[in-house]
Amino acid sequence: TAKPGRIYESVYLWTDLDPAATLEGTEVALEDERFLFLSYHDKVQTPDMDLVELMLQRTRAYWLLWSARTHLPVQYRAEALRSALVLKMLQFGPSGALLAAATTSLPETVGEERN
């Protein structure tokens, strides 16, 4: 039961796959386009393939724009961008804090071992 004043966070998963197979973790051979749609703390309308495609396009546009605006050195740009994307995805939006353990395996210098 929900208690007054407490915040409950939810994760929602929608799919057009067989619900029983999804819940049981059964291996499924995909013969055409299917989707798994995950939403965090946001109950959206029941998605169909059109909504999933739209959300995918919006997500792709967001990350392409973010990548284009990110100032990186010319040398090793692809590697630096990949690392920046990983760190950005591990960032807590409201505060900018990073999941600390995720940074321990990033090298401080190109070609060096982990920290």
PDB file of N, CA and C in Angstrom:
ATOM      1  N   THR A   1       0.833  -1.189   0.000  1.00  0.00           N
ATOM      2  CA  THR A   1       0.000   0.000   0.000  1.00  0.00           C
ATOM      3  C   THR A   1       0.875   1.250   0.000  1.00  0.00           C
ATOM      4  N   ALA A   2       0.449   2.234  -0.776  1.00  0.00           N
ATOM      5  CA  ALA A   2       1.181   3.498  -0.836  1.00  0.00           C
ATOM      6  C   ALA A   2       0.976   4.267   0.459  1.00  0.00           C
ATOM      7  N   LYS A   3       2.053   4.860   0.943  1.00  0.00           N
ATOM      8  CA  LYS A   3       1.977   5.657   2.165  1.00  0.00           C
ATOM      9  C   LYS A   3       2.082   7.134   1.801  1.00  0.00           C
ATOM     10  N   PRO A   4       1.302   7.997   2.447  1.00  0.00           N
ATOM     11  CA  PRO A   4       1.330   9.431   2.145  1.00  0.00           C
ATOM     12  C   PRO A   4       2.741   9.995   2.304  1.00  0.00           C
ATOM     13  N   GLY A   5       3.125  10.868   1.366  1.00  0.00           N
ATOM     14  CA  GLY A   5       4.418  11.527   1.458  1.00  0.00           C
ATOM     15  C   GLY A   5       5.584  10.729   0.899  1.00  0.00           C
ATOM     16  N   ARG A   6       5.369   9.479   0.508  1.00  0.00           N
ATOM     17  CA  ARG A   6       6.461   8.656  -0.035  1.00  0.00           C
ATOM     18  C   ARG A   6       6.398   8.667  -1.551  1.00  0.00           C
ATOM     19  N   ILE A   7       7.566   8.713  -2.154  1.00  0.00           N
ATOM     20  CA  ILE A   7       7.645   8.700  -3.613  1.00  0.00           C
ATOM     21  C   ILE A   7       7.933   7.282  -4.070  1.00  0.00           C
ATOM     22  N   TYR A   8       7.120   6.798  -4.970  1.00  0.00           N
ATOM     23  CA  TYR A   8       7.329   5.466  -5.523  1.00  0.00           C
ATOM     24  C   TYR A   8       7.731   5.613  -6.981  1.00  0.00           C
ATOM     25  N   GLU A   9       8.832   4.999  -7.334  1.00  0.00           N
ATOM     26  CA  GLU A   9       9.300   5.057  -8.706  1.00  0.00           C
ATOM     27  C   GLU A   9       8.959   3.742  -9.388  1.00  0.00           C
ATOM     28  N   SER A  10       8.606   3.833 -10.651  1.00  0.00           N
ATOM     29  CA  SER A  10       8.157   2.651 -11.377  1.00  0.00           C
ATOM     30  C   SER A  10       8.874   2.534 -12.711  1.00  0.00           C
ATOM     31  N   VAL A  11       8.997   1.324 -13.167  1.00  0.00           N
ATOM     32  CA  VAL A  11       9.517   1.037 -14.495  1.00  0.00           C
ATOM     33  C   VAL A  11       8.428   0.276 -15.236  1.00  0.00           C
ATOM     34  N   TYR A  12       8.120   0.717 -16.448  1.00  0.00           N
ATOM     35  CA  TYR A  12       7.082   0.081 -17.250  1.00  0.00           C
ATOM     36  C   TYR A  12       7.716  -0.553 -18.478  1.00  0.00           C
ATOM     37  N   LEU A  13       7.279  -1.743 -18.821  1.00  0.00           N
ATOM     38  CA  LEU A  13       7.768  -2.444 -20.000  1.00  0.00           C
ATOM     39  C   LEU A  13       6.582  -2.866 -20.849  1.00  0.00           C
ATOM     40  N   TRP A  14       6.593  -2.423 -22.097  1.00  0.00           N
ATOM     41  CA  TRP A  14       5.589  -2.846 -23.060  1.00  0.00           C
ATOM     42  C   TRP A  14       6.301  -3.598 -24.175  1.00  0.00           C
ATOM     43  N   THR A  15       5.622  -4.547 -24.780  1.00  0.00           N
ATOM     44  CA  THR A  15       6.186  -5.282 -25.902  1.00  0.00           C
ATOM     45  C   THR A  15       5.067  -5.824 -26.774  1.00  0.00           C
ATOM     46  N   ASP A  16       5.415  -6.083 -28.022  1.00  0.00           N
ATOM     47  CA  ASP A  16       4.449  -6.742 -28.893  1.00  0.00           C
ATOM     48  C   ASP A  16       4.794  -8.224 -29.036  1.00  0.00           C
ATOM     49  N   LEU A  17       5.700  -8.701 -28.188  1.00  0.00           N
ATOM     50  CA  LEU A  17       6.016 -10.128 -28.136  1.00  0.00           C
ATOM     51  C   LEU A  17       4.985 -10.848 -27.277  1.00  0.00           C
ATOM     52  N   ASP A  18       4.981 -12.147 -27.331  1.00  0.00           N
ATOM     53  CA  ASP A  18       4.080 -12.949 -26.514  1.00  0.00           C
ATOM     54  C   ASP A  18       4.352 -12.661 -25.037  1.00  0.00           C
ATOM     55  N   PRO A  19       3.361 -12.174 -24.287  1.00  0.00           N
ATOM     56  CA  PRO A  19       3.581 -11.821 -22.881  1.00  0.00           C
ATOM     57  C   PRO A  19       4.094 -12.980 -22.027  1.00  0.00           C
ATOM     58  N   ALA A  20       3.579 -14.166 -22.240  1.00  0.00           N
ATOM     59  CA  ALA A  20       4.016 -15.316 -21.438  1.00  0.00           C
ATOM     60  C   ALA A  20       5.490 -15.605 -21.684  1.00  0.00           C
ATOM     61  N   ALA A  21       5.905 -15.578 -22.938  1.00  0.00           N
ATOM     62  CA  ALA A  21       7.312 -15.834 -23.269  1.00  0.00           C
ATOM     63  C   ALA A  21       8.204 -14.746 -22.684  1.00  0.00           C
ATOM     64  N   THR A  22       7.730 -13.506 -22.711  1.00  0.00           N
ATOM     65  CA  THR A  22       8.509 -12.394 -22.167  1.00  0.00           C
ATOM     66  C   THR A  22       8.684 -12.551 -20.661  1.00  0.00           C
ATOM     67  N   LEU A  23       7.612 -12.843 -19.949  1.00  0.00           N
ATOM     68  CA  LEU A  23       7.676 -12.982 -18.494  1.00  0.00           C
ATOM     69  C   LEU A  23       8.499 -14.181 -18.057  1.00  0.00           C
ATOM     70  N   GLU A  24       8.453 -15.247 -18.839  1.00  0.00           N
ATOM     71  CA  GLU A  24       9.189 -16.462 -18.480  1.00  0.00           C
ATOM     72  C   GLU A  24      10.634 -16.428 -18.955  1.00  0.00           C
ATOM     73  N   GLY A  25      10.995 -15.417 -19.767  1.00  0.00           N
ATOM     74  CA  GLY A  25      12.353 -15.335 -20.284  1.00  0.00           C
ATOM     75  C   GLY A  25      12.650 -16.358 -21.362  1.00  0.00           C
ATOM     76  N   THR A  26      11.610 -16.819 -22.040  1.00  0.00           N
ATOM     77  CA  THR A  26      11.762 -17.816 -23.095  1.00  0.00           C
ATOM     78  C   THR A  26      12.457 -17.205 -24.311  1.00  0.00           C
ATOM     79  N   GLU A  27      13.393 -17.953 -24.893  1.00  0.00           N
ATOM     80  CA  GLU A  27      14.070 -17.504 -26.105  1.00  0.00           C
ATOM     81  C   GLU A  27      13.065 -17.482 -27.252  1.00  0.00           C
ATOM     82  N   VAL A  28      13.094 -16.400 -28.039  1.00  0.00           N
ATOM     83  CA  VAL A  28      12.141 -16.223 -29.128  1.00  0.00           C
ATOM     84  C   VAL A  28      12.915 -15.899 -30.404  1.00  0.00           C
ATOM     85  N   ALA A  29      12.568 -16.551 -31.503  1.00  0.00           N
ATOM     86  CA  ALA A  29      13.167 -16.234 -32.801  1.00  0.00           C
ATOM     87  C   ALA A  29      12.380 -15.080 -33.417  1.00  0.00           C
ATOM     88  N   LEU A  30      13.061 -13.977 -33.701  1.00  0.00           N
ATOM     89  CA  LEU A  30      12.398 -12.816 -34.285  1.00  0.00           C
ATOM     90  C   LEU A  30      12.415 -12.932 -35.800  1.00  0.00           C
ATOM     91  N   GLU A  31      11.235 -12.957 -36.384  1.00  0.00           N
ATOM     92  CA  GLU A  31      11.127 -13.089 -37.831  1.00  0.00           C
ATOM     93  C   GLU A  31      10.729 -11.780 -38.495  1.00  0.00           C
ATOM     94  N   ASP A  32      10.308 -10.800 -37.722  1.00  0.00           N
ATOM     95  CA  ASP A  32       9.997  -9.482 -38.240  1.00  0.00           C
ATOM     96  C   ASP A  32      10.268  -8.465 -37.135  1.00  0.00           C
ATOM     97  N   GLU A  33       9.975  -7.190 -37.395  1.00  0.00           N
ATOM     98  CA  GLU A  33      10.250  -6.155 -36.405  1.00  0.00           C
ATOM     99  C   GLU A  33       9.357  -6.321 -35.184  1.00  0.00           C
ATOM    100  N   ARG A  34       9.968  -6.242 -34.020  1.00  0.00           N
ATOM    101  CA  ARG A  34       9.263  -6.309 -32.732  1.00  0.00           C
ATOM    102  C   ARG A  34       9.829  -5.214 -31.845  1.00  0.00           C
ATOM    103  N   PHE A  35       9.159  -4.941 -30.732  1.00  0.00           N
ATOM    104  CA  PHE A  35       9.715  -3.937 -29.835  1.00  0.00           C
ATOM    105  C   PHE A  35       9.557  -4.319 -28.375  1.00  0.00           C
ATOM    106  N   LEU A  36      10.488  -3.805 -27.592  1.00  0.00           N
ATOM    107  CA  LEU A  36      10.422  -3.756 -26.134  1.00  0.00           C
ATOM    108  C   LEU A  36      10.535  -2.278 -25.810  1.00  0.00           C
ATOM    109  N   PHE A  37       9.567  -1.731 -25.141  1.00  0.00           N
ATOM    110  CA  PHE A  37       9.522  -0.301 -24.851  1.00  0.00           C
ATOM    111  C   PHE A  37       9.591  -0.137 -23.344  1.00  0.00           C
ATOM    112  N   LEU A  38      10.645   0.489 -22.866  1.00  0.00           N
ATOM    113  CA  LEU A  38      10.873   0.660 -21.435  1.00  0.00           C
ATOM    114  C   LEU A  38      10.673   2.119 -21.071  1.00  0.00           C
ATOM    115  N   SER A  39       9.905   2.361 -20.042  1.00  0.00           N
ATOM    116  CA  SER A  39       9.639   3.721 -19.590  1.00  0.00           C
ATOM    117  C   SER A  39       9.882   3.788 -18.089  1.00  0.00           C
ATOM    118  N   TYR A  40      10.641   4.784 -17.663  1.00  0.00           N
ATOM    119  CA  TYR A  40      10.954   4.950 -16.247  1.00  0.00           C
ATOM    120  C   TYR A  40      10.067   6.028 -15.647  1.00  0.00           C
ATOM    121  N   HIS A  41       9.253   5.656 -14.694  1.00  0.00           N
ATOM    122  CA  HIS A  41       8.434   6.596 -13.927  1.00  0.00           C
ATOM    123  C   HIS A  41       7.549   7.463 -14.828  1.00  0.00           C
ATOM    124  N   ASP A  42       7.159   6.935 -15.981  1.00  0.00           N
ATOM    125  CA  ASP A  42       6.343   7.699 -16.912  1.00  0.00           C
ATOM    126  C   ASP A  42       5.417   6.740 -17.648  1.00  0.00           C
ATOM    127  N   LYS A  43       4.166   6.780 -17.283  1.00  0.00           N
ATOM    128  CA  LYS A  43       3.190   5.903 -17.926  1.00  0.00           C
ATOM    129  C   LYS A  43       2.748   6.571 -19.224  1.00  0.00           C
ATOM    130  N   VAL A  44       3.182   6.032 -20.343  1.00  0.00           N
ATOM    131  CA  VAL A  44       2.820   6.590 -21.643  1.00  0.00           C
ATOM    132  C   VAL A  44       1.630   5.821 -22.201  1.00  0.00           C
ATOM    133  N   GLN A  45       1.069   6.348 -23.293  1.00  0.00           N
ATOM    134  CA  GLN A  45      -0.012   5.599 -23.939  1.00  0.00           C
ATOM    135  C   GLN A  45       0.540   4.244 -24.352  1.00  0.00           C
ATOM    136  N   THR A  46      -0.315   3.262 -24.459  1.00  0.00           N
ATOM    137  CA  THR A  46       0.135   1.935 -24.876  1.00  0.00           C
ATOM    138  C   THR A  46       0.790   2.063 -26.245  1.00  0.00           C
ATOM    139  N   PRO A  47       2.086   1.735 -26.339  1.00  0.00           N
ATOM    140  CA  PRO A  47       2.800   1.973 -27.592  1.00  0.00           C
ATOM    141  C   PRO A  47       2.497   0.935 -28.667  1.00  0.00           C
ATOM    142  N   ASP A  48       2.620   1.394 -29.901  1.00  0.00           N
ATOM    143  CA  ASP A  48       2.595   0.502 -31.055  1.00  0.00           C
ATOM    144  C   ASP A  48       3.887   0.781 -31.828  1.00  0.00           C
ATOM    145  N   MET A  49       4.099   0.106 -32.935  1.00  0.00           N
ATOM    146  CA  MET A  49       5.353   0.253 -33.672  1.00  0.00           C
ATOM    147  C   MET A  49       5.568   1.695 -34.141  1.00  0.00           C
ATOM    148  N   ASP A  50       4.496   2.413 -34.491  1.00  0.00           N
ATOM    149  CA  ASP A  50       4.641   3.806 -34.928  1.00  0.00           C
ATOM    150  C   ASP A  50       5.183   4.686 -33.807  1.00  0.00           C
ATOM    151  N   LEU A  51       4.646   4.540 -32.593  1.00  0.00           N
ATOM    152  CA  LEU A  51       5.136   5.321 -31.462  1.00  0.00           C
ATOM    153  C   LEU A  51       6.583   4.950 -31.139  1.00  0.00           C
ATOM    154  N   VAL A  52       6.897   3.675 -31.188  1.00  0.00           N
ATOM    155  CA  VAL A  52       8.257   3.222 -30.907  1.00  0.00           C
ATOM    156  C   VAL A  52       9.230   3.825 -31.920  1.00  0.00           C
ATOM    157  N   GLU A  53       8.867   3.824 -33.192  1.00  0.00           N
ATOM    158  CA  GLU A  53       9.720   4.424 -34.231  1.00  0.00           C
ATOM    159  C   GLU A  53       9.908   5.922 -33.982  1.00  0.00           C
ATOM    160  N   LEU A  54       8.835   6.617 -33.610  1.00  0.00           N
ATOM    161  CA  LEU A  54       8.919   8.047 -33.319  1.00  0.00           C
ATOM    162  C   LEU A  54       9.856   8.306 -32.146  1.00  0.00           C
ATOM    163  N   MET A  55       9.708   7.550 -31.074  1.00  0.00           N
ATOM    164  CA  MET A  55      10.566   7.716 -29.902  1.00  0.00           C
ATOM    165  C   MET A  55      12.025   7.399 -30.241  1.00  0.00           C
ATOM    166  N   LEU A  56      12.246   6.397 -31.078  1.00  0.00           N
ATOM    167  CA  LEU A  56      13.598   6.051 -31.509  1.00  0.00           C
ATOM    168  C   LEU A  56      14.207   7.195 -32.314  1.00  0.00           C
ATOM    169  N   GLN A  57      13.437   7.799 -33.214  1.00  0.00           N
ATOM    170  CA  GLN A  57      13.928   8.941 -33.994  1.00  0.00           C
ATOM    171  C   GLN A  57      14.266  10.119 -33.087  1.00  0.00           C
ATOM    172  N   ARG A  58      13.426  10.394 -32.104  1.00  0.00           N
ATOM    173  CA  ARG A  58      13.692  11.491 -31.164  1.00  0.00           C
ATOM    174  C   ARG A  58      14.953  11.220 -30.347  1.00  0.00           C
ATOM    175  N   THR A  59      15.105   9.982 -29.908  1.00  0.00           N
ATOM    176  CA  THR A  59      16.289   9.607 -29.133  1.00  0.00           C
ATOM    177  C   THR A  59      17.543   9.756 -29.978  1.00  0.00           C
ATOM    178  N   ARG A  60      17.500   9.262 -31.201  1.00  0.00           N
ATOM    179  CA  ARG A  60      18.644   9.366 -32.118  1.00  0.00           C
ATOM    180  C   ARG A  60      18.992  10.837 -32.354  1.00  0.00           C
ATOM    181  N   ALA A  61      17.985  11.682 -32.600  1.00  0.00           N
ATOM    182  CA  ALA A  61      18.220  13.108 -32.839  1.00  0.00           C
ATOM    183  C   ALA A  61      18.853  13.768 -31.613  1.00  0.00           C
ATOM    184  N   TYR A  62      18.377  13.424 -30.415  1.00  0.00           N
ATOM    185  CA  TYR A  62      18.939  13.993 -29.187  1.00  0.00           C
ATOM    186  C   TYR A  62      20.430  13.681 -29.080  1.00  0.00           C
ATOM    187  N   TRP A  63      20.782  12.397 -29.256  1.00  0.00           N
ATOM    188  CA  TRP A  63      22.184  12.001 -29.077  1.00  0.00           C
ATOM    189  C   TRP A  63      23.069  12.521 -30.198  1.00  0.00           C
ATOM    190  N   LEU A  64      22.563  12.622 -31.423  1.00  0.00           N
ATOM    191  CA  LEU A  64      23.353  13.205 -32.512  1.00  0.00           C
ATOM    192  C   LEU A  64      23.623  14.681 -32.249  1.00  0.00           C
ATOM    193  N   LEU A  65      22.615  15.412 -31.789  1.00  0.00           N
ATOM    194  CA  LEU A  65      22.794  16.826 -31.456  1.00  0.00           C
ATOM    195  C   LEU A  65      23.750  16.987 -30.282  1.00  0.00           C
ATOM    196  N   TRP A  66      23.587  16.175 -29.258  1.00  0.00           N
ATOM    197  CA  TRP A  66      24.481  16.248 -28.099  1.00  0.00           C
ATOM    198  C   TRP A  66      25.916  15.984 -28.534  1.00  0.00           C
ATOM    199  N   SER A  67      26.123  14.981 -29.376  1.00  0.00           N
ATOM    200  CA  SER A  67      27.465  14.637 -29.855  1.00  0.00           C
ATOM    201  C   SER A  67      28.063  15.773 -30.683  1.00  0.00           C
ATOM    202  N   ALA A  68      27.249  16.403 -31.521  1.00  0.00           N
ATOM    203  CA  ALA A  68      27.735  17.496 -32.367  1.00  0.00           C
ATOM    204  C   ALA A  68      28.137  18.713 -31.544  1.00  0.00           C
ATOM    205  N   ARG A  69      27.461  18.954 -30.413  1.00  0.00           N
ATOM    206  CA  ARG A  69      27.759  20.118 -29.566  1.00  0.00           C
ATOM    207  C   ARG A  69      28.903  19.869 -28.598  1.00  0.00           C
ATOM    208  N   THR A  70      29.345  18.628 -28.475  1.00  0.00           N
ATOM    209  CA  THR A  70      30.395  18.285 -27.517  1.00  0.00           C
ATOM    210  C   THR A  70      31.757  18.624 -28.109  1.00  0.00           C
ATOM    211  N   HIS A  71      32.520  19.458 -27.399  1.00  0.00           N
ATOM    212  CA  HIS A  71      33.849  19.868 -27.860  1.00  0.00           C
ATOM    213  C   HIS A  71      34.866  18.824 -27.428  1.00  0.00           C
ATOM    214  N   LEU A  72      35.505  18.201 -28.420  1.00  0.00           N
ATOM    215  CA  LEU A  72      36.473  17.141 -28.151  1.00  0.00           C
ATOM    216  C   LEU A  72      37.732  17.388 -28.971  1.00  0.00           C
ATOM    217  N   PRO A  73      38.861  16.844 -28.516  1.00  0.00           N
ATOM    218  CA  PRO A  73      40.098  17.000 -29.295  1.00  0.00           C
ATOM    219  C   PRO A  73      39.978  16.271 -30.638  1.00  0.00           C
ATOM    220  N   VAL A  74      40.669  16.783 -31.644  1.00  0.00           N
ATOM    221  CA  VAL A  74      40.617  16.169 -32.971  1.00  0.00           C
ATOM    222  C   VAL A  74      41.237  14.776 -32.926  1.00  0.00           C
ATOM    223  N   GLN A  75      42.394  14.671 -32.260  1.00  0.00           N
ATOM    224  CA  GLN A  75      43.041  13.366 -32.146  1.00  0.00           C
ATOM    225  C   GLN A  75      42.224  12.497 -31.187  1.00  0.00           C
ATOM    226  N   TYR A  76      41.956  11.296 -31.576  1.00  0.00           N
ATOM    227  CA  TYR A  76      41.179  10.334 -30.781  1.00  0.00           C
ATOM    228  C   TYR A  76      39.737  10.792 -30.564  1.00  0.00           C
ATOM    229  N   ARG A  77      39.188  11.572 -31.491  1.00  0.00           N
ATOM    230  CA  ARG A  77      37.823  12.090 -31.331  1.00  0.00           C
ATOM    231  C   ARG A  77      36.798  10.968 -31.168  1.00  0.00           C
ATOM    232  N   ALA A  78      36.877   9.935 -32.001  1.00  0.00           N
ATOM    233  CA  ALA A  78      35.895   8.843 -31.932  1.00  0.00           C
ATOM    234  C   ALA A  78      35.941   8.155 -30.577  1.00  0.00           C
ATOM    235  N   GLU A  79      37.144   7.910 -30.076  1.00  0.00           N
ATOM    236  CA  GLU A  79      37.286   7.247 -28.771  1.00  0.00           C
ATOM    237  C   GLU A  79      36.801   8.153 -27.641  1.00  0.00           C
ATOM    238  N   ALA A  80      37.144   9.441 -27.723  1.00  0.00           N
ATOM    239  CA  ALA A  80      36.715  10.387 -26.686  1.00  0.00           C
ATOM    240  C   ALA A  80      35.197  10.546 -26.692  1.00  0.00           C
ATOM    241  N   LEU A  81      34.601  10.576 -27.887  1.00  0.00           N
ATOM    242  CA  LEU A  81      33.148  10.705 -27.978  1.00  0.00           C
ATOM    243  C   LEU A  81      32.463   9.485 -27.386  1.00  0.00           C
ATOM    244  N   ARG A  82      32.977   8.295 -27.664  1.00  0.00           N
ATOM    245  CA  ARG A  82      32.383   7.071 -27.113  1.00  0.00           C
ATOM    246  C   ARG A  82      32.431   7.120 -25.585  1.00  0.00           C
ATOM    247  N   SER A  83      33.559   7.531 -25.021  1.00  0.00           N
ATOM    248  CA  SER A  83      33.676   7.634 -23.559  1.00  0.00           C
ATOM    249  C   SER A  83      32.735   8.699 -23.012  1.00  0.00           C
ATOM    250  N   ALA A  84      32.638   9.836 -23.713  1.00  0.00           N
ATOM    251  CA  ALA A  84      31.747  10.911 -23.269  1.00  0.00           C
ATOM    252  C   ALA A  84      30.289  10.458 -23.280  1.00  0.00           C
ATOM    253  N   LEU A  85      29.903   9.699 -24.304  1.00  0.00           N
ATOM    254  CA  LEU A  85      28.532   9.185 -24.372  1.00  0.00           C
ATOM    255  C   LEU A  85      28.233   8.242 -23.206  1.00  0.00           C
ATOM    256  N   VAL A  86      29.183   7.377 -22.899  1.00  0.00           N
ATOM    257  CA  VAL A  86      28.993   6.447 -21.777  1.00  0.00           C
ATOM    258  C   VAL A  86      28.829   7.230 -20.481  1.00  0.00           C
ATOM    259  N   LEU A  87      29.697   8.212 -20.259  1.00  0.00           N
ATOM    260  CA  LEU A  87      29.608   9.006 -19.031  1.00  0.00           C
ATOM    261  C   LEU A  87      28.303   9.796 -18.976  1.00  0.00           C
ATOM    262  N   LYS A  88      27.884  10.356 -20.096  1.00  0.00           N
ATOM    263  CA  LYS A  88      26.630  11.112 -20.130  1.00  0.00           C
ATOM    264  C   LYS A  88      25.446  10.221 -19.763  1.00  0.00           C
ATOM    265  N   MET A  89      25.463   8.980 -20.252  1.00  0.00           N
ATOM    266  CA  MET A  89      24.357   8.068 -19.950  1.00  0.00           C
ATOM    267  C   MET A  89      24.376   7.598 -18.498  1.00  0.00           C
ATOM    268  N   LEU A  90      25.508   7.757 -17.833  1.00  0.00           N
ATOM    269  CA  LEU A  90      25.610   7.378 -16.424  1.00  0.00           C
ATOM    270  C   LEU A  90      25.443   8.584 -15.500  1.00  0.00           C
ATOM    271  N   GLN A  91      25.003   9.693 -16.061  1.00  0.00           N
ATOM    272  CA  GLN A  91      24.847  10.927 -15.302  1.00  0.00           C
ATOM    273  C   GLN A  91      23.419  11.055 -14.785  1.00  0.00           C
ATOM    274  N   PHE A  92      23.290  11.489 -13.532  1.00  0.00           N
ATOM    275  CA  PHE A  92      21.977  11.777 -12.961  1.00  0.00           C
ATOM    276  C   PHE A  92      21.617  13.197 -13.372  1.00  0.00           C
ATOM    277  N   GLY A  93      20.601  13.331 -14.217  1.00  0.00           N
ATOM    278  CA  GLY A  93      20.253  14.605 -14.822  1.00  0.00           C
ATOM    279  C   GLY A  93      20.128  15.794 -13.891  1.00  0.00           C
ATOM    280  N   PRO A  94      19.305  15.721 -12.847  1.00  0.00           N
ATOM    281  CA  PRO A  94      19.089  16.894 -12.007  1.00  0.00           C
ATOM    282  C   PRO A  94      20.354  17.453 -11.351  1.00  0.00           C
ATOM    283  N   SER A  95      21.267  16.594 -10.922  1.00  0.00           N
ATOM    284  CA  SER A  95      22.454  17.088 -10.216  1.00  0.00           C
ATOM    285  C   SER A  95      23.726  17.019 -11.053  1.00  0.00           C
ATOM    286  N   GLY A  96      23.727  16.194 -12.096  1.00  0.00           N
ATOM    287  CA  GLY A  96      24.937  16.018 -12.890  1.00  0.00           C
ATOM    288  C   GLY A  96      25.893  14.998 -12.298  1.00  0.00           C
ATOM    289  N   ALA A  97      25.518  14.395 -11.179  1.00  0.00           N
ATOM    290  CA  ALA A  97      26.385  13.411 -10.520  1.00  0.00           C
ATOM    291  C   ALA A  97      26.522  12.166 -11.385  1.00  0.00           C
ATOM    292  N   LEU A  98      27.713  11.556 -11.338  1.00  0.00           N
ATOM    293  CA  LEU A  98      27.964  10.319 -12.074  1.00  0.00           C
ATOM    294  C   LEU A  98      27.934   9.135 -11.137  1.00  0.00           C
ATOM    295  N   LEU A  99      27.531   8.009 -11.675  1.00  0.00           N
ATOM    296  CA  LEU A  99      27.644   6.759 -10.948  1.00  0.00           C
ATOM    297  C   LEU A  99      29.136   6.523 -10.768  1.00  0.00           C
ATOM    298  N   ALA A 100      29.628   6.623  -9.556  1.00  0.00           N
ATOM    299  CA  ALA A 100      31.069   6.654  -9.295  1.00  0.00           C
ATOM    300  C   ALA A 100      31.817   5.433  -9.800  1.00  0.00           C
ATOM    301  N   ALA A 101      31.322   4.255  -9.570  1.00  0.00           N
ATOM    302  CA  ALA A 101      32.057   3.043  -9.932  1.00  0.00           C
ATOM    303  C   ALA A 101      32.259   2.910 -11.437  1.00  0.00           C
ATOM    304  N   ALA A 102      31.443   3.566 -12.221  1.00  0.00           N
ATOM    305  CA  ALA A 102      31.548   3.437 -13.679  1.00  0.00           C
ATOM    306  C   ALA A 102      32.820   4.067 -14.225  1.00  0.00           C
ATOM    307  N   THR A 103      33.415   5.002 -13.502  1.00  0.00           N
ATOM    308  CA  THR A 103      34.595   5.698 -14.008  1.00  0.00           C
ATOM    309  C   THR A 103      35.901   5.016 -13.639  1.00  0.00           C
ATOM    310  N   THR A 104      35.877   3.989 -12.821  1.00  0.00           N
ATOM    311  CA  THR A 104      37.127   3.391 -12.347  1.00  0.00           C
ATOM    312  C   THR A 104      37.891   2.648 -13.428  1.00  0.00           C
ATOM    313  N   SER A 105      37.244   2.232 -14.495  1.00  0.00           N
ATOM    314  CA  SER A 105      37.928   1.466 -15.540  1.00  0.00           C
ATOM    315  C   SER A 105      38.329   2.314 -16.737  1.00  0.00           C
ATOM    316  N   LEU A 106      38.110   3.618 -16.676  1.00  0.00           N
ATOM    317  CA  LEU A 106      38.521   4.486 -17.775  1.00  0.00           C
ATOM    318  C   LEU A 106      39.981   4.879 -17.589  1.00  0.00           C
ATOM    319  N   PRO A 107      40.796   4.768 -18.638  1.00  0.00           N
ATOM    320  CA  PRO A 107      42.201   5.163 -18.508  1.00  0.00           C
ATOM    321  C   PRO A 107      42.330   6.676 -18.383  1.00  0.00           C
ATOM    322  N   GLU A 108      43.322   7.124 -17.618  1.00  0.00           N
ATOM    323  CA  GLU A 108      43.561   8.558 -17.488  1.00  0.00           C
ATOM    324  C   GLU A 108      44.255   9.101 -18.725  1.00  0.00           C
ATOM    325  N   THR A 109      45.050   8.255 -19.379  1.00  0.00           N
ATOM    326  CA  THR A 109      45.813   8.646 -20.558  1.00  0.00           C
ATOM    327  C   THR A 109      45.605   7.604 -21.650  1.00  0.00           C
ATOM    328  N   VAL A 110      45.547   8.057 -22.908  1.00  0.00           N
ATOM    329  CA  VAL A 110      45.369   7.136 -24.033  1.00  0.00           C
ATOM    330  C   VAL A 110      46.502   6.116 -24.049  1.00  0.00           C
ATOM    331  N   GLY A 111      46.143   4.852 -24.163  1.00  0.00           N
ATOM    332  CA  GLY A 111      47.133   3.783 -24.223  1.00  0.00           C
ATOM    333  C   GLY A 111      47.577   3.258 -22.872  1.00  0.00           C
ATOM    334  N   GLU A 112      47.134   3.871 -21.811  1.00  0.00           N
ATOM    335  CA  GLU A 112      47.520   3.442 -20.463  1.00  0.00           C
ATOM    336  C   GLU A 112      46.520   2.424 -19.931  1.00  0.00           C
ATOM    337  N   GLU A 113      46.868   1.847 -18.805  1.00  0.00           N
ATOM    338  CA  GLU A 113      45.975   0.908 -18.133  1.00  0.00           C
ATOM    339  C   GLU A 113      44.887   1.681 -17.404  1.00  0.00           C
ATOM    340  N   ARG A 114      43.995   0.940 -16.772  1.00  0.00           N
ATOM    341  CA  ARG A 114      42.905   1.563 -16.007  1.00  0.00           C
ATOM    342  C   ARG A 114      43.452   2.353 -14.829  1.00  0.00           C
ATOM    343  N   ASN A 115      42.593   3.197 -14.260  1.00  0.00           N
ATOM    344  CA  ASN A 115      42.969   3.965 -13.056  1.00  0.00           C
ATOM    345  C   ASN A 115      43.296   3.037 -11.919  1.00  0.00           C
TER     346      ASN A 115
END
